[in-house]
Each structure stands twice: as structure tokens, then as C-alpha cells.
Amino acid sequence: MMFAYHQIFILICCVVAVNSLMFRLPANSRRCLKEEIHKGVLVSGEYELSDAPGQKTDLMVTDTKGHILVSRENVDKGKFAFVTDDYDVFEACFVSKAPAGQRTQEQEVTLSLKHGVEAKSYDSIAEVGRLKPLEVELQKLEDLSESIVKDFAYMRQREAEMRDTNESTNTRVLYFSIFSMCILLALATWQVLYLRRFFKAKKLIE
């Protein structure tokens, strides 16, 4: 039974997103990573920078509204966590600063971002709740299932919004087409009447 739960847990873990990357950060530059995350989701990050004597690197995490969620100065290694207030695109930026005239070097930055179930510390939960390994895995399965259900609910909501938008657009296009046809008919009628008066004035027709 425990083996079966373990297999199901591994299978579901395959659908959980984890972003981990390494990049180079030149001196006096800015490098950012953007992530689109749903509302009410726990986000955790872990970062590590290579040594660069005399240079300082700051970390800042913001949303599209300019709210600062995480702000760290002169970082080299650490972790951060926050909970999203709304569905948004969040940006984690590393800003390198070096004194003028000093010899500079690139830094290697390793950043790992986790959100949702992967961001939770189940070791702490197990320790606080005195849970057995099977109970911990069942808790993980429950959280994963809830996360998947929320994702599907969000997808249905987005589908409904897109359908409403399409229907509204189709209705507007229909009204605009009818309005255009009326304008064209009115212009055609006016042109016929104008030409008729013109030809009568020139005595080309009676």
C-alpha cells in the first residue's frame, strides 16, 4: 500500500513546476527572472552568488504594480519566501554594483524558485505534527491534488472569460457590420439621388 502511494506521489510530482537556473551577472548590470504565479501561492527561492571582491549585489522581488516583496542588499547566499496576493507576473532581479575605477569580474548566480506544494517544508510539518512518513506523503498528495484542482478551476475560469470575450467581440462585429451596411446603403441612395438631380439639371434625362 505504501509503495502504491509512493508511486502516485512521484507521478504527481512530475507536474509541479520548479525553476532553477544559473546565469552570469556582469559588473554594474541588472539581470531579472519573471514568473507568472496564481493568487495565494507560497513562493520560495534560494540563491547563491560567486565571490567578487569589492562588488555588491542586491536582490529585489517585485510585482507588476511595483510592490517590493523581497529586498536584500549585498547578498551572496540565502533564501526568501512570500505569498502572492493576486495573480500576477513577479520579477526577481539581481543588481550588481562596483566602485568606479575598480577591476571588476562577472559573477555566477544560481537561483532556484519553487512555488505551491514544492515550496512547503514538509519536514517541519512532520516534526510539528509528529507525522509518520506515510502521513507526510498523504499530506503531500492532498496538497498536490488541491493544487491541481485549483489549476483546473483557473483554466475553466479563463476559458469562460475568453468565451465571453469572443461572444462579446462577435456581437460587436455583427453590430458594426450592420451599421456599415446601413451607411453604405444610405451613401448609395444619396449618390443615386444626386446623380439624378445632376442629369436633370443638365437635361440629359427627364
Protein backbone atom coordinates (compact mmCIF):
# COMPACT_ATOMS: atom_id res chain seq x y z
CA MET A 1 0.00 0.00 0.00
CA MET A 2 2.79 2.39 0.93
CA PHE A 3 4.61 1.53 -2.31
CA ALA A 4 1.49 2.42 -4.31
CA TYR A 5 1.16 5.81 -2.58
CA HIS A 6 4.86 6.41 -3.20
CA GLN A 7 4.47 5.74 -6.93
CA ILE A 8 1.42 8.04 -7.15
CA PHE A 9 3.34 10.76 -5.31
CA ILE A 10 6.28 10.53 -7.74
CA LEU A 11 3.90 10.62 -10.70
CA ILE A 12 2.09 13.75 -9.49
CA CYS A 13 5.38 15.47 -8.62
CA CYS A 14 6.22 15.43 -12.32
CA VAL A 15 3.57 18.11 -12.97
CA VAL A 16 4.83 20.54 -10.29
CA ALA A 17 6.90 23.40 -11.72
CA VAL A 18 10.32 24.19 -10.29
CA ASN A 19 12.55 26.82 -11.91
CA SER A 20 16.26 26.51 -11.31
CA LEU A 21 18.87 28.23 -13.41
CA MET A 22 22.40 29.57 -13.46
CA PHE A 23 23.47 32.73 -15.27
CA ARG A 24 26.33 35.21 -15.40
CA LEU A 25 25.95 38.69 -13.94
CA PRO A 26 28.40 41.29 -15.30
CA ALA A 27 29.51 44.11 -13.01
CA ASN A 28 27.20 47.15 -12.90
CA SER A 29 24.37 45.30 -14.61
CA ARG A 30 20.90 44.01 -13.86
CA ARG A 31 19.51 40.53 -14.57
CA CYS A 32 15.91 39.51 -13.90
CA LEU A 33 13.75 36.40 -13.93
CA LYS A 34 10.00 36.70 -14.43
CA GLU A 35 7.46 34.17 -13.22
CA GLU A 36 3.67 34.12 -13.65
CA ILE A 37 2.03 32.82 -10.46
CA HIS A 38 -1.55 32.43 -9.25
CA LYS A 39 -3.13 34.15 -6.24
CA GLY A 40 -2.47 32.89 -2.71
CA VAL A 41 0.52 30.75 -3.65
CA LEU A 42 3.58 30.28 -1.45
CA VAL A 43 6.78 31.13 -3.32
CA SER A 44 10.25 30.30 -2.03
CA GLY A 45 13.63 30.99 -3.54
CA GLU A 46 17.21 30.04 -2.88
CA TYR A 47 20.16 31.84 -4.41
CA GLU A 48 23.96 31.73 -4.37
CA LEU A 49 26.49 34.05 -5.98
CA SER A 50 30.17 33.51 -6.70
CA ASP A 51 32.72 35.72 -4.96
CA ALA A 52 33.50 39.13 -6.44
CA PRO A 53 35.71 41.17 -4.07
CA GLY A 54 34.73 44.82 -3.83
CA GLN A 55 31.44 44.34 -5.70
CA LYS A 56 28.00 44.43 -4.15
CA THR A 57 24.90 42.69 -5.46
CA ASP A 58 21.34 43.46 -4.37
CA LEU A 59 18.28 41.25 -4.74
CA MET A 60 14.78 42.61 -5.27
CA VAL A 61 11.50 40.83 -5.99
CA THR A 62 8.61 42.96 -7.26
CA ASP A 63 5.25 42.61 -8.98
CA THR A 64 3.87 44.49 -11.98
CA LYS A 65 2.37 47.14 -9.67
CA GLY A 66 5.81 47.99 -8.29
CA HIS A 67 5.26 46.46 -4.86
CA ILE A 68 8.51 45.25 -3.29
CA LEU A 69 8.05 41.73 -1.91
CA VAL A 70 11.69 40.93 -1.13
CA SER A 71 14.61 43.36 -0.78
CA ARG A 72 18.12 42.23 0.19
CA GLU A 73 21.35 44.23 -0.04
CA ASN A 74 24.87 42.93 -0.59
CA VAL A 75 23.79 39.31 -0.95
CA ASP A 76 25.96 36.27 -1.53
CA LYS A 77 23.81 33.32 -0.45
CA GLY A 78 20.39 32.97 1.11
CA LYS A 79 16.71 32.18 0.88
CA PHE A 80 13.45 34.12 0.67
CA ALA A 81 9.73 33.39 0.71
CA PHE A 82 6.45 35.24 0.19
CA VAL A 83 2.78 34.57 -0.52
CA THR A 84 1.19 36.11 -3.61
CA ASP A 85 -1.72 38.50 -3.02
CA ASP A 86 -3.04 38.29 -6.56
CA TYR A 87 -2.48 36.59 -9.89
CA ASP A 88 0.46 38.47 -11.35
CA VAL A 89 3.85 38.32 -13.02
CA PHE A 90 6.62 38.54 -10.42
CA GLU A 91 10.18 39.61 -11.17
CA ALA A 92 13.31 38.61 -9.24
CA CYS A 93 16.23 40.90 -10.09
CA PHE A 94 19.93 40.87 -9.18
CA VAL A 95 21.65 44.26 -9.43
CA SER A 96 25.45 44.37 -9.44
CA LYS A 97 27.31 47.48 -8.27
CA ALA A 98 31.06 48.12 -8.41
CA PRO A 99 33.08 51.24 -7.48
CA ALA A 100 34.40 53.30 -10.37
CA GLY A 101 37.96 52.50 -11.38
CA GLN A 102 37.97 49.11 -9.69
CA ARG A 103 38.77 45.95 -11.59
CA THR A 104 35.52 44.03 -11.97
CA GLN A 105 34.51 40.48 -12.79
CA GLU A 106 31.41 38.54 -13.70
CA GLN A 107 29.53 36.65 -11.03
CA GLU A 108 27.83 33.31 -11.42
CA VAL A 109 24.32 33.39 -9.98
CA THR A 110 22.36 30.26 -9.14
CA LEU A 111 18.67 30.83 -8.49
CA SER A 112 16.07 28.20 -7.63
CA LEU A 113 12.41 29.21 -7.47
CA LYS A 114 9.69 26.95 -6.10
CA HIS A 115 6.01 27.67 -5.68
CA GLY A 116 2.94 25.89 -4.44
CA VAL A 117 3.40 22.47 -2.88
CA GLU A 118 7.12 22.33 -3.71
CA ALA A 119 7.72 25.46 -1.63
CA LYS A 120 6.35 23.90 1.56
CA SER A 121 8.68 22.42 4.15
CA TYR A 122 7.12 19.06 4.90
CA ASP A 123 9.97 18.14 7.23
CA SER A 124 8.91 20.98 9.55
CA ILE A 125 5.25 19.99 9.19
CA ALA A 126 6.09 16.39 10.06
CA GLU A 127 8.15 17.49 13.05
CA VAL A 128 5.48 19.82 14.42
CA GLY A 129 2.61 17.43 13.80
CA ARG A 130 4.61 14.32 14.67
CA LEU A 131 3.51 12.71 11.44
CA LYS A 132 4.66 9.37 10.16
CA PRO A 133 6.30 9.11 6.71
CA LEU A 134 3.11 7.71 5.18
CA GLU A 135 1.07 10.53 6.70
CA VAL A 136 3.52 13.08 5.31
CA GLU A 137 3.21 11.61 1.81
CA LEU A 138 -0.57 11.57 2.14
CA GLN A 139 -0.42 15.26 3.12
CA LYS A 140 1.73 15.94 0.06
CA LEU A 141 -0.76 14.09 -2.13
CA GLU A 142 -3.63 16.08 -0.66
CA ASP A 143 -1.84 19.39 -1.26
CA LEU A 144 -0.88 18.36 -4.79
CA SER A 145 -4.45 17.32 -5.57
CA GLU A 146 -5.76 20.61 -4.23
CA SER A 147 -3.20 22.49 -6.33
CA ILE A 148 -4.22 20.60 -9.47
CA VAL A 149 -7.92 21.23 -8.78
CA LYS A 150 -7.21 24.95 -8.37
CA ASP A 151 -5.26 25.00 -11.64
CA PHE A 152 -8.14 23.32 -13.48
CA ALA A 153 -10.62 25.73 -11.89
CA TYR A 154 -8.48 28.65 -13.01
CA MET A 155 -8.26 27.20 -16.53
CA ARG A 156 -12.07 26.86 -16.64
CA GLN A 157 -12.42 30.43 -15.43
CA ARG A 158 -10.02 31.67 -18.11
CA GLU A 159 -11.86 29.63 -20.73
CA ALA A 160 -15.17 31.16 -19.65
CA GLU A 161 -13.67 34.65 -19.76
CA MET A 162 -12.24 34.04 -23.22
CA ARG A 163 -15.57 32.64 -24.41
CA ASP A 164 -17.40 35.69 -23.07
CA THR A 165 -14.85 37.95 -24.74
CA ASN A 166 -15.26 36.12 -28.05
CA GLU A 167 -19.05 36.30 -27.86
CA SER A 168 -18.90 39.99 -26.98
CA THR A 169 -16.47 40.62 -29.85
CA ASN A 170 -18.68 38.70 -32.28
CA THR A 171 -21.71 40.73 -31.20
CA ARG A 172 -19.84 44.00 -31.66
CA VAL A 173 -18.57 42.90 -35.07
CA LEU A 174 -22.14 41.99 -36.08
CA TYR A 175 -23.48 45.38 -34.99
CA PHE A 176 -20.61 47.14 -36.72
CA SER A 177 -21.29 45.18 -39.93
CA ILE A 178 -24.99 46.11 -39.82
CA PHE A 179 -24.08 49.75 -39.15
CA SER A 180 -21.60 49.71 -42.07
CA MET A 181 -24.22 48.21 -44.39
CA CYS A 182 -26.71 50.92 -43.40
CA ILE A 183 -24.11 53.63 -44.05
CA LEU A 184 -23.26 52.12 -47.44
CA LEU A 185 -26.95 51.89 -48.39
CA ALA A 186 -27.51 55.49 -47.30
CA LEU A 187 -24.48 56.66 -49.33
CA ALA A 188 -25.61 54.67 -52.37
CA THR A 189 -29.12 56.16 -52.14
CA TRP A 190 -27.73 59.67 -51.75
CA GLN A 191 -25.40 59.15 -54.74
CA VAL A 192 -28.27 57.94 -56.96
CA LEU A 193 -30.46 60.89 -55.99
CA TYR A 194 -27.58 63.33 -56.51
CA LEU A 195 -26.77 61.94 -59.96
CA ARG A 196 -30.45 62.03 -60.89
CA ARG A 197 -30.68 65.72 -59.98
CA PHE A 198 -27.40 66.40 -61.79
CA PHE A 199 -28.53 64.71 -65.00
CA LYS A 200 -31.88 66.52 -64.82
CA ALA A 201 -30.09 69.84 -64.37
CA LYS A 202 -28.03 69.08 -67.48
CA LYS A 203 -31.21 67.98 -69.24
CA LEU A 204 -29.69 64.61 -70.01
CA ILE A 205 -32.76 62.88 -68.59
CA GLU A 206 -36.33 63.96 -67.99
